[in-house]
Amino acid sequence: MALYAGYGAANGTGSKISAATRTVGIGMGMGGVVGAVGAVGVAGVVGAFMGLFGVGLGLSI
């Protein structure tokens, strides 16, 4: 949830991120591997990448 909160704060306003991608963000925040497996396409890549690097990456992006 911390990762998703930081990511949402950085990209929430005026972002082009879809609701599906945000849902993936929650999933990968709770478990990077689960988020990567459950996700599809670009959302899966971003979810897995952010899941591995944690809140730091979420805030920097």
N, C-alpha and C. Protein backbone atom coordinates (compact mmCIF):
# COMPACT_ATOMS: atom_id res chain seq x y z
N MET A 1 0.83 -1.21 0.00
CA MET A 1 0.00 0.00 0.00
C MET A 1 0.87 1.26 0.00
N ALA A 2 2.01 1.18 0.67
CA ALA A 2 2.90 2.34 0.70
C ALA A 2 3.43 2.65 -0.69
N LEU A 3 3.76 1.60 -1.41
CA LEU A 3 4.27 1.78 -2.77
C LEU A 3 3.20 2.37 -3.67
N TYR A 4 1.99 1.84 -3.55
CA TYR A 4 0.88 2.33 -4.38
C TYR A 4 0.56 3.78 -4.03
N ALA A 5 0.61 4.12 -2.73
CA ALA A 5 0.30 5.49 -2.29
C ALA A 5 1.31 6.47 -2.86
N GLY A 6 2.60 6.12 -2.78
CA GLY A 6 3.64 6.99 -3.31
C GLY A 6 3.53 7.14 -4.82
N TYR A 7 3.23 6.03 -5.49
CA TYR A 7 3.09 6.05 -6.94
C TYR A 7 1.89 6.88 -7.35
N GLY A 8 0.79 6.73 -6.62
CA GLY A 8 -0.42 7.48 -6.92
C GLY A 8 -0.21 8.97 -6.71
N ALA A 9 0.53 9.34 -5.66
CA ALA A 9 0.78 10.74 -5.37
C ALA A 9 1.62 11.38 -6.47
N ALA A 10 2.56 10.59 -7.02
CA ALA A 10 3.45 11.12 -8.05
C ALA A 10 2.77 11.21 -9.40
N ASN A 11 1.81 10.31 -9.66
CA ASN A 11 1.25 10.20 -11.00
C ASN A 11 -0.27 10.32 -11.07
N GLY A 12 -0.91 10.58 -9.93
CA GLY A 12 -2.37 10.59 -9.89
C GLY A 12 -2.97 11.70 -10.73
N THR A 13 -2.59 12.94 -10.50
CA THR A 13 -3.21 14.07 -11.17
C THR A 13 -2.69 14.22 -12.60
N GLY A 14 -3.60 14.22 -13.55
CA GLY A 14 -3.23 14.44 -14.94
C GLY A 14 -2.51 13.29 -15.58
N SER A 15 -2.51 12.13 -14.93
CA SER A 15 -1.81 10.97 -15.50
C SER A 15 -2.69 10.24 -16.49
N LYS A 16 -2.06 9.46 -17.35
CA LYS A 16 -2.78 8.67 -18.33
C LYS A 16 -2.86 7.21 -17.91
N ILE A 17 -2.55 6.95 -16.63
CA ILE A 17 -2.56 5.59 -16.14
C ILE A 17 -4.01 5.14 -15.95
N SER A 18 -4.34 4.00 -16.50
CA SER A 18 -5.71 3.49 -16.43
C SER A 18 -6.00 2.89 -15.05
N ALA A 19 -7.28 2.67 -14.79
CA ALA A 19 -7.68 2.05 -13.53
C ALA A 19 -7.08 0.65 -13.40
N ALA A 20 -6.96 -0.05 -14.53
CA ALA A 20 -6.39 -1.40 -14.51
C ALA A 20 -4.93 -1.36 -14.05
N THR A 21 -4.19 -0.36 -14.53
CA THR A 21 -2.79 -0.24 -14.14
C THR A 21 -2.66 0.07 -12.66
N ARG A 22 -3.56 0.90 -12.14
CA ARG A 22 -3.52 1.22 -10.71
C ARG A 22 -3.84 -0.01 -9.89
N THR A 23 -4.77 -0.84 -10.40
CA THR A 23 -5.09 -2.09 -9.70
C THR A 23 -3.88 -3.00 -9.66
N VAL A 24 -3.14 -3.07 -10.77
CA VAL A 24 -1.91 -3.85 -10.82
C VAL A 24 -0.91 -3.28 -9.81
N GLY A 25 -0.88 -1.95 -9.69
CA GLY A 25 0.01 -1.31 -8.73
C GLY A 25 -0.25 -1.79 -7.31
N ILE A 26 -1.54 -1.92 -6.95
CA ILE A 26 -1.88 -2.42 -5.63
C ILE A 26 -1.41 -3.86 -5.48
N GLY A 27 -1.66 -4.68 -6.53
CA GLY A 27 -1.28 -6.08 -6.47
C GLY A 27 0.21 -6.27 -6.31
N MET A 28 1.01 -5.54 -7.11
CA MET A 28 2.45 -5.72 -7.06
C MET A 28 3.02 -5.09 -5.80
N GLY A 29 2.32 -4.11 -5.24
CA GLY A 29 2.77 -3.54 -3.98
C GLY A 29 2.70 -4.57 -2.86
N MET A 30 1.63 -5.38 -2.88
CA MET A 30 1.46 -6.42 -1.87
C MET A 30 2.40 -7.60 -2.13
N GLY A 31 2.68 -7.85 -3.42
CA GLY A 31 3.60 -8.95 -3.77
C GLY A 31 4.07 -8.81 -5.20
N GLY A 32 5.31 -8.44 -5.41
CA GLY A 32 5.83 -8.18 -6.75
C GLY A 32 5.64 -9.34 -7.71
N VAL A 33 5.90 -10.55 -7.24
CA VAL A 33 5.78 -11.72 -8.11
C VAL A 33 4.33 -11.95 -8.51
N VAL A 34 3.43 -11.84 -7.55
CA VAL A 34 2.01 -12.05 -7.83
C VAL A 34 1.50 -11.00 -8.80
N GLY A 35 1.92 -9.75 -8.60
CA GLY A 35 1.50 -8.68 -9.49
C GLY A 35 2.00 -8.90 -10.91
N ALA A 36 3.24 -9.37 -11.06
CA ALA A 36 3.80 -9.60 -12.38
C ALA A 36 3.08 -10.73 -13.10
N VAL A 37 2.77 -11.78 -12.38
CA VAL A 37 2.09 -12.93 -12.99
C VAL A 37 0.66 -12.57 -13.36
N GLY A 38 -0.03 -11.81 -12.50
CA GLY A 38 -1.42 -11.48 -12.72
C GLY A 38 -1.61 -10.42 -13.78
N ALA A 39 -0.60 -9.61 -14.04
CA ALA A 39 -0.73 -8.48 -14.96
C ALA A 39 -0.41 -8.89 -16.39
N VAL A 40 -0.79 -8.02 -17.33
CA VAL A 40 -0.56 -8.29 -18.75
C VAL A 40 0.08 -7.07 -19.40
N GLY A 41 1.00 -7.28 -20.34
CA GLY A 41 1.56 -6.20 -21.14
C GLY A 41 2.42 -5.22 -20.35
N VAL A 42 2.35 -3.96 -20.74
CA VAL A 42 3.20 -2.92 -20.15
C VAL A 42 2.93 -2.78 -18.65
N ALA A 43 1.65 -2.90 -18.26
CA ALA A 43 1.30 -2.80 -16.85
C ALA A 43 2.04 -3.85 -16.03
N GLY A 44 2.20 -5.05 -16.60
CA GLY A 44 2.90 -6.12 -15.91
C GLY A 44 4.38 -5.80 -15.74
N VAL A 45 4.99 -5.24 -16.77
CA VAL A 45 6.41 -4.89 -16.71
C VAL A 45 6.65 -3.81 -15.66
N VAL A 46 5.83 -2.76 -15.71
CA VAL A 46 5.97 -1.66 -14.75
C VAL A 46 5.70 -2.16 -13.34
N GLY A 47 4.66 -2.98 -13.18
CA GLY A 47 4.31 -3.51 -11.87
C GLY A 47 5.44 -4.35 -11.28
N ALA A 48 6.01 -5.23 -12.09
CA ALA A 48 7.08 -6.09 -11.61
C ALA A 48 8.32 -5.26 -11.28
N PHE A 49 8.64 -4.30 -12.13
CA PHE A 49 9.82 -3.46 -11.92
C PHE A 49 9.70 -2.66 -10.63
N MET A 50 8.55 -2.03 -10.44
CA MET A 50 8.34 -1.23 -9.24
C MET A 50 8.24 -2.12 -8.01
N GLY A 51 7.68 -3.32 -8.18
CA GLY A 51 7.58 -4.25 -7.06
C GLY A 51 8.96 -4.65 -6.54
N LEU A 52 9.93 -4.78 -7.45
CA LEU A 52 11.28 -5.17 -7.05
C LEU A 52 12.03 -4.02 -6.38
N PHE A 53 11.83 -2.80 -6.88
CA PHE A 53 12.60 -1.67 -6.37
C PHE A 53 11.91 -0.93 -5.23
N GLY A 54 10.62 -1.23 -5.02
CA GLY A 54 9.94 -0.71 -3.84
C GLY A 54 9.54 0.74 -3.92
N VAL A 55 9.33 1.34 -2.75
CA VAL A 55 8.77 2.69 -2.66
C VAL A 55 9.69 3.73 -3.29
N GLY A 56 11.01 3.52 -3.22
CA GLY A 56 11.95 4.48 -3.78
C GLY A 56 11.69 4.73 -5.25
N LEU A 57 11.48 3.66 -6.00
CA LEU A 57 11.21 3.78 -7.42
C LEU A 57 9.85 4.41 -7.66
N GLY A 58 8.87 4.02 -6.84
CA GLY A 58 7.54 4.56 -6.98
C GLY A 58 7.54 6.08 -6.81
N LEU A 59 8.32 6.58 -5.86
CA LEU A 59 8.38 8.01 -5.62
C LEU A 59 9.17 8.72 -6.72
N SER A 60 10.24 8.09 -7.19
CA SER A 60 11.07 8.73 -8.22
C SER A 60 10.33 8.83 -9.53
N ILE A 61 9.50 7.83 -9.85
CA ILE A 61 8.72 7.86 -11.08
C ILE A 61 7.56 8.83 -10.89
